[in-house]
Amino acid sequence: MSKFTLRLHHAEGADPIEETLADVDDAFEARELARMRLLLTRDFSHVELYQADIPVETFARDSEA
């Protein structure tokens, strides 16, 4: 089981979606994947990264993006 999960927050305010980062054990890699996930779709306003249910970092979309 992965130590890292993402909580993806919709721009429209719908309930967040949780995604597990399978086979990711490195914090640097988890951060990079969180950033990429946010950039790959316009559906989400921000992404929260968790390690073992503890918040690690939040990534927000630029208002100009």
PDB file of N, CA and C in Angstrom:
ATOM      1  N   MET A   1       0.843  -1.188   0.000  1.00  0.00           N
ATOM      2  CA  MET A   1       0.000   0.000   0.000  1.00  0.00           C
ATOM      3  C   MET A   1       0.888   1.251   0.000  1.00  0.00           C
ATOM      4  N   SER A   2       0.513   2.218  -0.795  1.00  0.00           N
ATOM      5  CA  SER A   2       1.295   3.438  -0.920  1.00  0.00           C
ATOM      6  C   SER A   2       1.197   4.286   0.345  1.00  0.00           C
ATOM      7  N   LYS A   3       2.262   4.983   0.605  1.00  0.00           N
ATOM      8  CA  LYS A   3       2.271   5.912   1.729  1.00  0.00           C
ATOM      9  C   LYS A   3       1.661   7.253   1.349  1.00  0.00           C
ATOM     10  N   PHE A   4       1.496   7.503   0.043  1.00  0.00           N
ATOM     11  CA  PHE A   4       1.067   8.818  -0.422  1.00  0.00           C
ATOM     12  C   PHE A   4      -0.301   8.768  -1.100  1.00  0.00           C
ATOM     13  N   THR A   5      -1.098   9.793  -0.833  1.00  0.00           N
ATOM     14  CA  THR A   5      -2.379   9.966  -1.513  1.00  0.00           C
ATOM     15  C   THR A   5      -2.525  11.428  -1.912  1.00  0.00           C
ATOM     16  N   LEU A   6      -3.338  11.637  -2.947  1.00  0.00           N
ATOM     17  CA  LEU A   6      -3.675  12.981  -3.391  1.00  0.00           C
ATOM     18  C   LEU A   6      -5.135  13.229  -3.108  1.00  0.00           C
ATOM     19  N   ARG A   7      -5.455  14.424  -2.676  1.00  0.00           N
ATOM     20  CA  ARG A   7      -6.845  14.857  -2.555  1.00  0.00           C
ATOM     21  C   ARG A   7      -7.019  15.981  -3.569  1.00  0.00           C
ATOM     22  N   LEU A   8      -7.791  15.688  -4.617  1.00  0.00           N
ATOM     23  CA  LEU A   8      -7.996  16.605  -5.741  1.00  0.00           C
ATOM     24  C   LEU A   8      -9.284  17.384  -5.526  1.00  0.00           C
ATOM     25  N   HIS A   9      -9.179  18.706  -5.462  1.00  0.00           N
ATOM     26  CA  HIS A   9     -10.329  19.567  -5.211  1.00  0.00           C
ATOM     27  C   HIS A   9     -10.825  20.172  -6.514  1.00  0.00           C
ATOM     28  N   HIS A  10     -12.108  19.948  -6.782  1.00  0.00           N
ATOM     29  CA  HIS A  10     -12.734  20.469  -8.002  1.00  0.00           C
ATOM     30  C   HIS A  10     -12.844  21.987  -7.960  1.00  0.00           C
ATOM     31  N   ALA A  11     -12.672  22.607  -9.098  1.00  0.00           N
ATOM     32  CA  ALA A  11     -12.802  24.060  -9.208  1.00  0.00           C
ATOM     33  C   ALA A  11     -14.231  24.505  -8.907  1.00  0.00           C
ATOM     34  N   GLU A  12     -15.226  23.642  -9.215  1.00  0.00           N
ATOM     35  CA  GLU A  12     -16.633  24.001  -9.007  1.00  0.00           C
ATOM     36  C   GLU A  12     -17.091  23.784  -7.576  1.00  0.00           C
ATOM     37  N   GLY A  13     -16.256  23.221  -6.714  1.00  0.00           N
ATOM     38  CA  GLY A  13     -16.624  23.039  -5.322  1.00  0.00           C
ATOM     39  C   GLY A  13     -17.229  21.685  -4.995  1.00  0.00           C
ATOM     40  N   ALA A  14     -17.234  20.735  -5.932  1.00  0.00           N
ATOM     41  CA  ALA A  14     -17.730  19.384  -5.651  1.00  0.00           C
ATOM     42  C   ALA A  14     -16.798  18.703  -4.643  1.00  0.00           C
ATOM     43  N   ASP A  15     -17.260  17.591  -4.097  1.00  0.00           N
ATOM     44  CA  ASP A  15     -16.447  16.848  -3.129  1.00  0.00           C
ATOM     45  C   ASP A  15     -15.103  16.458  -3.744  1.00  0.00           C
ATOM     46  N   PRO A  16     -14.033  16.533  -2.952  1.00  0.00           N
ATOM     47  CA  PRO A  16     -12.712  16.166  -3.473  1.00  0.00           C
ATOM     48  C   PRO A  16     -12.631  14.676  -3.800  1.00  0.00           C
ATOM     49  N   ILE A  17     -11.724  14.346  -4.695  1.00  0.00           N
ATOM     50  CA  ILE A  17     -11.450  12.966  -5.087  1.00  0.00           C
ATOM     51  C   ILE A  17     -10.115  12.573  -4.473  1.00  0.00           C
ATOM     52  N   GLU A  18     -10.045  11.363  -3.925  1.00  0.00           N
ATOM     53  CA  GLU A  18      -8.775  10.864  -3.394  1.00  0.00           C
ATOM     54  C   GLU A  18      -8.190   9.842  -4.348  1.00  0.00           C
ATOM     55  N   GLU A  19      -6.898   9.987  -4.626  1.00  0.00           N
ATOM     56  CA  GLU A  19      -6.172   9.047  -5.477  1.00  0.00           C
ATOM     57  C   GLU A  19      -4.928   8.572  -4.734  1.00  0.00           C
ATOM     58  N   THR A  20      -4.712   7.278  -4.764  1.00  0.00           N
ATOM     59  CA  THR A  20      -3.515   6.696  -4.165  1.00  0.00           C
ATOM     60  C   THR A  20      -2.388   6.703  -5.186  1.00  0.00           C
ATOM     61  N   LEU A  21      -1.215   7.078  -4.752  1.00  0.00           N
ATOM     62  CA  LEU A  21      -0.035   7.039  -5.621  1.00  0.00           C
ATOM     63  C   LEU A  21       0.612   5.666  -5.457  1.00  0.00           C
ATOM     64  N   ALA A  22       0.266   4.761  -6.344  1.00  0.00           N
ATOM     65  CA  ALA A  22       0.733   3.380  -6.256  1.00  0.00           C
ATOM     66  C   ALA A  22       2.243   3.301  -6.428  1.00  0.00           C
ATOM     67  N   ASP A  23       2.862   2.510  -5.584  1.00  0.00           N
ATOM     68  CA  ASP A  23       4.302   2.222  -5.669  1.00  0.00           C
ATOM     69  C   ASP A  23       5.190   3.452  -5.556  1.00  0.00           C
ATOM     70  N   VAL A  24       4.720   4.497  -4.904  1.00  0.00           N
ATOM     71  CA  VAL A  24       5.531   5.702  -4.687  1.00  0.00           C
ATOM     72  C   VAL A  24       5.923   5.749  -3.213  1.00  0.00           C
ATOM     73  N   ASP A  25       7.209   5.686  -2.950  1.00  0.00           N
ATOM     74  CA  ASP A  25       7.712   5.725  -1.578  1.00  0.00           C
ATOM     75  C   ASP A  25       8.594   6.931  -1.314  1.00  0.00           C
ATOM     76  N   ASP A  26       8.830   7.750  -2.332  1.00  0.00           N
ATOM     77  CA  ASP A  26       9.736   8.883  -2.236  1.00  0.00           C
ATOM     78  C   ASP A  26       8.938  10.190  -2.224  1.00  0.00           C
ATOM     79  N   ALA A  27       9.188  11.062  -1.256  1.00  0.00           N
ATOM     80  CA  ALA A  27       8.450  12.322  -1.134  1.00  0.00           C
ATOM     81  C   ALA A  27       8.668  13.235  -2.338  1.00  0.00           C
ATOM     82  N   PHE A  28       9.873  13.277  -2.867  1.00  0.00           N
ATOM     83  CA  PHE A  28      10.136  14.113  -4.035  1.00  0.00           C
ATOM     84  C   PHE A  28       9.286  13.661  -5.215  1.00  0.00           C
ATOM     85  N   GLU A  29       9.256  12.361  -5.468  1.00  0.00           N
ATOM     86  CA  GLU A  29       8.456  11.819  -6.575  1.00  0.00           C
ATOM     87  C   GLU A  29       6.965  12.091  -6.351  1.00  0.00           C
ATOM     88  N   ALA A  30       6.513  11.948  -5.133  1.00  0.00           N
ATOM     89  CA  ALA A  30       5.102  12.208  -4.817  1.00  0.00           C
ATOM     90  C   ALA A  30       4.746  13.671  -5.084  1.00  0.00           C
ATOM     91  N   ARG A  31       5.624  14.584  -4.715  1.00  0.00           N
ATOM     92  CA  ARG A  31       5.388  16.008  -4.981  1.00  0.00           C
ATOM     93  C   ARG A  31       5.313  16.293  -6.480  1.00  0.00           C
ATOM     94  N   GLU A  32       6.238  15.706  -7.228  1.00  0.00           N
ATOM     95  CA  GLU A  32       6.241  15.905  -8.683  1.00  0.00           C
ATOM     96  C   GLU A  32       4.962  15.359  -9.320  1.00  0.00           C
ATOM     97  N   LEU A  33       4.514  14.207  -8.871  1.00  0.00           N
ATOM     98  CA  LEU A  33       3.280  13.632  -9.399  1.00  0.00           C
ATOM     99  C   LEU A  33       2.066  14.481  -9.043  1.00  0.00           C
ATOM    100  N   ALA A  34       2.063  15.059  -7.855  1.00  0.00           N
ATOM    101  CA  ALA A  34       0.961  15.945  -7.450  1.00  0.00           C
ATOM    102  C   ALA A  34       0.912  17.177  -8.360  1.00  0.00           C
ATOM    103  N   ARG A  35       2.067  17.762  -8.622  1.00  0.00           N
ATOM    104  CA  ARG A  35       2.126  18.925  -9.522  1.00  0.00           C
ATOM    105  C   ARG A  35       1.649  18.566 -10.930  1.00  0.00           C
ATOM    106  N   MET A  36       2.108  17.432 -11.429  1.00  0.00           N
ATOM    107  CA  MET A  36       1.714  16.988 -12.769  1.00  0.00           C
ATOM    108  C   MET A  36       0.213  16.722 -12.849  1.00  0.00           C
ATOM    109  N   ARG A  37      -0.327  16.118 -11.819  1.00  0.00           N
ATOM    110  CA  ARG A  37      -1.771  15.814 -11.808  1.00  0.00           C
ATOM    111  C   ARG A  37      -2.582  17.099 -11.884  1.00  0.00           C
ATOM    112  N   LEU A  38      -2.146  18.120 -11.194  1.00  0.00           N
ATOM    113  CA  LEU A  38      -2.841  19.405 -11.222  1.00  0.00           C
ATOM    114  C   LEU A  38      -2.736  20.047 -12.605  1.00  0.00           C
ATOM    115  N   LEU A  39      -1.575  19.941 -13.218  1.00  0.00           N
ATOM    116  CA  LEU A  39      -1.366  20.566 -14.530  1.00  0.00           C
ATOM    117  C   LEU A  39      -2.068  19.840 -15.671  1.00  0.00           C
ATOM    118  N   LEU A  40      -2.333  18.561 -15.511  1.00  0.00           N
ATOM    119  CA  LEU A  40      -2.904  17.769 -16.602  1.00  0.00           C
ATOM    120  C   LEU A  40      -4.387  18.000 -16.838  1.00  0.00           C
ATOM    121  N   THR A  41      -5.074  18.613 -15.906  1.00  0.00           N
ATOM    122  CA  THR A  41      -6.501  18.864 -16.092  1.00  0.00           C
ATOM    123  C   THR A  41      -6.875  20.208 -15.492  1.00  0.00           C
ATOM    124  N   ARG A  42      -7.835  20.848 -16.088  1.00  0.00           N
ATOM    125  CA  ARG A  42      -8.343  22.127 -15.574  1.00  0.00           C
ATOM    126  C   ARG A  42      -9.485  21.922 -14.581  1.00  0.00           C
ATOM    127  N   ASP A  43      -9.867  20.678 -14.335  1.00  0.00           N
ATOM    128  CA  ASP A  43     -11.008  20.385 -13.460  1.00  0.00           C
ATOM    129  C   ASP A  43     -10.736  20.681 -11.988  1.00  0.00           C
ATOM    130  N   PHE A  44      -9.465  20.736 -11.611  1.00  0.00           N
ATOM    131  CA  PHE A  44      -9.123  20.864 -10.195  1.00  0.00           C
ATOM    132  C   PHE A  44      -8.482  22.216  -9.893  1.00  0.00           C
ATOM    133  N   SER A  45      -8.887  22.803  -8.771  1.00  0.00           N
ATOM    134  CA  SER A  45      -8.336  24.091  -8.345  1.00  0.00           C
ATOM    135  C   SER A  45      -7.056  23.922  -7.536  1.00  0.00           C
ATOM    136  N   HIS A  46      -7.004  22.848  -6.748  1.00  0.00           N
ATOM    137  CA  HIS A  46      -5.794  22.564  -5.985  1.00  0.00           C
ATOM    138  C   HIS A  46      -5.728  21.086  -5.608  1.00  0.00           C
ATOM    139  N   VAL A  47      -4.519  20.666  -5.244  1.00  0.00           N
ATOM    140  CA  VAL A  47      -4.254  19.274  -4.875  1.00  0.00           C
ATOM    141  C   VAL A  47      -3.536  19.270  -3.538  1.00  0.00           C
ATOM    142  N   GLU A  48      -3.995  18.414  -2.647  1.00  0.00           N
ATOM    143  CA  GLU A  48      -3.335  18.231  -1.357  1.00  0.00           C
ATOM    144  C   GLU A  48      -2.616  16.885  -1.373  1.00  0.00           C
ATOM    145  N   LEU A  49      -1.364  16.879  -0.948  1.00  0.00           N
ATOM    146  CA  LEU A  49      -0.572  15.663  -0.862  1.00  0.00           C
ATOM    147  C   LEU A  49      -0.526  15.213   0.592  1.00  0.00           C
ATOM    148  N   TYR A  50      -0.822  13.927   0.807  1.00  0.00           N
ATOM    149  CA  TYR A  50      -0.803  13.343   2.147  1.00  0.00           C
ATOM    150  C   TYR A  50       0.165  12.178   2.177  1.00  0.00           C
ATOM    151  N   GLN A  51       0.840  12.029   3.311  1.00  0.00           N
ATOM    152  CA  GLN A  51       1.684  10.859   3.551  1.00  0.00           C
ATOM    153  C   GLN A  51       1.159  10.196   4.811  1.00  0.00           C
ATOM    154  N   ALA A  52       0.645   8.981   4.653  1.00  0.00           N
ATOM    155  CA  ALA A  52       0.060   8.237   5.778  1.00  0.00           C
ATOM    156  C   ALA A  52      -0.984   9.098   6.507  1.00  0.00           C
ATOM    157  N   ASP A  53      -1.868   9.715   5.752  1.00  0.00           N
ATOM    158  CA  ASP A  53      -2.968  10.549   6.260  1.00  0.00           C
ATOM    159  C   ASP A  53      -2.527  11.838   6.956  1.00  0.00           C
ATOM    160  N   ILE A  54      -1.284  12.226   6.781  1.00  0.00           N
ATOM    161  CA  ILE A  54      -0.778  13.479   7.343  1.00  0.00           C
ATOM    162  C   ILE A  54      -0.511  14.440   6.182  1.00  0.00           C
ATOM    163  N   PRO A  55      -1.077  15.663   6.234  1.00  0.00           N
ATOM    164  CA  PRO A  55      -0.856  16.617   5.139  1.00  0.00           C
ATOM    165  C   PRO A  55       0.626  16.943   4.975  1.00  0.00           C
ATOM    166  N   VAL A  56       1.077  16.923   3.710  1.00  0.00           N
ATOM    167  CA  VAL A  56       2.473  17.219   3.403  1.00  0.00           C
ATOM    168  C   VAL A  56       2.599  18.575   2.732  1.00  0.00           C
ATOM    169  N   GLU A  57       1.806  18.779   1.686  1.00  0.00           N
ATOM    170  CA  GLU A  57       1.907  20.012   0.917  1.00  0.00           C
ATOM    171  C   GLU A  57       0.635  20.201   0.092  1.00  0.00           C
ATOM    172  N   THR A  58       0.323  21.469  -0.226  1.00  0.00           N
ATOM    173  CA  THR A  58      -0.807  21.790  -1.076  1.00  0.00           C
ATOM    174  C   THR A  58      -0.290  22.534  -2.303  1.00  0.00           C
ATOM    175  N   PHE A  59      -0.799  22.155  -3.456  1.00  0.00           N
ATOM    176  CA  PHE A  59      -0.436  22.781  -4.722  1.00  0.00           C
ATOM    177  C   PHE A  59      -1.681  23.415  -5.304  1.00  0.00           C
ATOM    178  N   ALA A  60      -1.618  24.714  -5.591  1.00  0.00           N
ATOM    179  CA  ALA A  60      -2.773  25.446  -6.122  1.00  0.00           C
ATOM    180  C   ALA A  60      -2.500  25.858  -7.557  1.00  0.00           C
ATOM    181  N   ARG A  61      -3.556  25.867  -8.337  1.00  0.00           N
ATOM    182  CA  ARG A  61      -3.459  26.318  -9.719  1.00  0.00           C
ATOM    183  C   ARG A  61      -3.332  27.834  -9.698  1.00  0.00           C
ATOM    184  N   ASP A  62      -2.464  28.386 -10.545  1.00  0.00           N
ATOM    185  CA  ASP A  62      -2.355  29.833 -10.685  1.00  0.00           C
ATOM    186  C   ASP A  62      -3.662  30.365 -11.220  1.00  0.00           C
ATOM    187  N   SER A  63      -4.078  31.517 -10.752  1.00  0.00           N
ATOM    188  CA  SER A  63      -5.342  32.103 -11.219  1.00  0.00           C
ATOM    189  C   SER A  63      -5.279  32.460 -12.695  1.00  0.00           C
ATOM    190  N   GLU A  64      -4.077  32.694 -13.224  1.00  0.00           N
ATOM    191  CA  GLU A  64      -3.914  33.055 -14.634  1.00  0.00           C
ATOM    192  C   GLU A  64      -3.851  31.829 -15.545  1.00  0.00           C
ATOM    193  N   ALA A  65      -3.675  30.632 -14.970  1.00  0.00           N
ATOM    194  CA  ALA A  65      -3.493  29.421 -15.781  1.00  0.00           C
ATOM    195  C   ALA A  65      -4.761  29.014 -16.478  1.00  0.00           C
TER     196      ALA A  65
END
